[in-house]
Amino acid sequence: MDYEEIMAIAQRNYENGGDAIVECFDREDCEKEFKTIEDVKQFCRLRWEQWLNCRFGDEEPKDWQWVD
C-alpha cells in the first residue's frame, strides 16, 4: 500500500480510529507501519478499543464499524 491509499482509507474511517493516522502519521511512518489494508483495519480497531476503555459516563458506546 502506498501513502495515498492509506490516507484515503484512514480519512473514510476517521471516526472509527483512522483519526490517529490522519493526524499523526507522516508518509514514512505510514509506509513502515501499514503493509496491507488489514494492518490499517487492525490499527483502527485497536484505537477504537482504547477509546472504549478510556471513556466515562453512562452513554452506551456505538459499535466499531469499518468503512471500505
C-alpha atoms as a PDB file:
ATOM      1  CA  MET A   1       0.000   0.000   0.000  1.00  0.00           C
ATOM      2  CA  ASP A   2       1.194   3.491  -0.670  1.00  0.00           C
ATOM      3  CA  TYR A   3       0.718   6.610   1.416  1.00  0.00           C
ATOM      4  CA  GLU A   4      -2.200   7.993  -0.592  1.00  0.00           C
ATOM      5  CA  GLU A   5      -4.156   4.716  -0.271  1.00  0.00           C
ATOM      6  CA  ILE A   6      -3.531   4.560   3.465  1.00  0.00           C
ATOM      7  CA  MET A   7      -4.637   8.159   3.974  1.00  0.00           C
ATOM      8  CA  ALA A   8      -7.762   7.684   1.857  1.00  0.00           C
ATOM      9  CA  ILE A   9      -8.767   4.665   3.952  1.00  0.00           C
ATOM     10  CA  ALA A  10      -7.965   6.460   7.209  1.00  0.00           C
ATOM     11  CA  GLN A  11      -9.986   9.509   6.177  1.00  0.00           C
ATOM     12  CA  ARG A  12     -13.025   7.375   5.280  1.00  0.00           C
ATOM     13  CA  ASN A  13     -12.685   5.737   8.709  1.00  0.00           C
ATOM     14  CA  TYR A  14     -11.769   8.918  10.587  1.00  0.00           C
ATOM     15  CA  GLU A  15     -14.341   8.407  13.339  1.00  0.00           C
ATOM     16  CA  ASN A  16     -13.599   4.692  13.561  1.00  0.00           C
ATOM     17  CA  GLY A  17      -9.979   5.052  14.648  1.00  0.00           C
ATOM     18  CA  GLY A  18      -8.483   6.466  11.460  1.00  0.00           C
ATOM     19  CA  ASP A  19      -8.140   9.913  13.016  1.00  0.00           C
ATOM     20  CA  ALA A  20      -4.793   8.970  14.570  1.00  0.00           C
ATOM     21  CA  ILE A  21      -3.377   8.000  11.180  1.00  0.00           C
ATOM     22  CA  VAL A  22      -4.625  11.187   9.503  1.00  0.00           C
ATOM     23  CA  GLU A  23      -3.465  13.490  12.299  1.00  0.00           C
ATOM     24  CA  CYS A  24      -0.240  11.825  13.467  1.00  0.00           C
ATOM     25  CA  PHE A  25       1.392   9.714  10.737  1.00  0.00           C
ATOM     26  CA  ASP A  26       3.594  11.102   8.002  1.00  0.00           C
ATOM     27  CA  ARG A  27       4.484   9.341   4.752  1.00  0.00           C
ATOM     28  CA  GLU A  28       7.470   7.499   6.210  1.00  0.00           C
ATOM     29  CA  ASP A  29       5.554   6.297   9.285  1.00  0.00           C
ATOM     30  CA  CYS A  30       2.651   5.038   7.163  1.00  0.00           C
ATOM     31  CA  GLU A  31       4.878   3.107   4.813  1.00  0.00           C
ATOM     32  CA  LYS A  32       6.703   1.480   7.745  1.00  0.00           C
ATOM     33  CA  GLU A  33       3.607   0.617   9.771  1.00  0.00           C
ATOM     34  CA  PHE A  34       0.990  -0.412   7.200  1.00  0.00           C
ATOM     35  CA  LYS A  35       1.721  -3.030   4.553  1.00  0.00           C
ATOM     36  CA  THR A  36      -1.866  -4.200   3.935  1.00  0.00           C
ATOM     37  CA  ILE A  37      -5.408  -2.975   4.423  1.00  0.00           C
ATOM     38  CA  GLU A  38      -5.664  -5.485   7.279  1.00  0.00           C
ATOM     39  CA  ASP A  39      -2.858  -3.612   9.077  1.00  0.00           C
ATOM     40  CA  VAL A  40      -4.846  -0.378   8.786  1.00  0.00           C
ATOM     41  CA  LYS A  41      -8.036  -2.103   9.984  1.00  0.00           C
ATOM     42  CA  GLN A  42      -6.256  -3.646  12.959  1.00  0.00           C
ATOM     43  CA  PHE A  43      -4.750  -0.291  13.955  1.00  0.00           C
ATOM     44  CA  CYS A  44      -8.156   1.423  13.718  1.00  0.00           C
ATOM     45  CA  ARG A  45      -9.840  -1.323  15.717  1.00  0.00           C
ATOM     46  CA  LEU A  46      -7.183  -1.035  18.452  1.00  0.00           C
ATOM     47  CA  ARG A  47      -7.662   2.734  18.613  1.00  0.00           C
ATOM     48  CA  TRP A  48     -11.416   2.181  18.894  1.00  0.00           C
ATOM     49  CA  GLU A  49     -10.935  -0.295  21.747  1.00  0.00           C
ATOM     50  CA  GLN A  50      -8.643   2.167  23.538  1.00  0.00           C
ATOM     51  CA  TRP A  51     -11.301   4.848  23.219  1.00  0.00           C
ATOM     52  CA  LEU A  52     -13.897   2.499  24.737  1.00  0.00           C
ATOM     53  CA  ASN A  53     -11.589   1.704  27.655  1.00  0.00           C
ATOM     54  CA  CYS A  54     -10.948   5.384  28.402  1.00  0.00           C
ATOM     55  CA  ARG A  55     -14.441   6.822  28.097  1.00  0.00           C
ATOM     56  CA  PHE A  56     -16.596   7.570  31.082  1.00  0.00           C
ATOM     57  CA  GLY A  57     -20.239   8.259  31.625  1.00  0.00           C
ATOM     58  CA  ASP A  58     -23.441   6.329  31.184  1.00  0.00           C
ATOM     59  CA  GLU A  59     -23.706   6.596  27.423  1.00  0.00           C
ATOM     60  CA  GLU A  60     -23.812   3.245  25.644  1.00  0.00           C
ATOM     61  CA  PRO A  61     -20.932   3.133  23.137  1.00  0.00           C
ATOM     62  CA  LYS A  62     -21.623   2.583  19.465  1.00  0.00           C
ATOM     63  CA  ASP A  63     -20.140  -0.444  17.750  1.00  0.00           C
ATOM     64  CA  TRP A  64     -16.935  -0.261  15.758  1.00  0.00           C
ATOM     65  CA  GLN A  65     -17.697  -0.023  12.051  1.00  0.00           C
ATOM     66  CA  TRP A  66     -15.357  -0.242   9.119  1.00  0.00           C
ATOM     67  CA  VAL A  67     -15.997   1.842   6.003  1.00  0.00           C
ATOM     68  CA  ASP A  68     -14.441   0.349   2.857  1.00  0.00           C
END
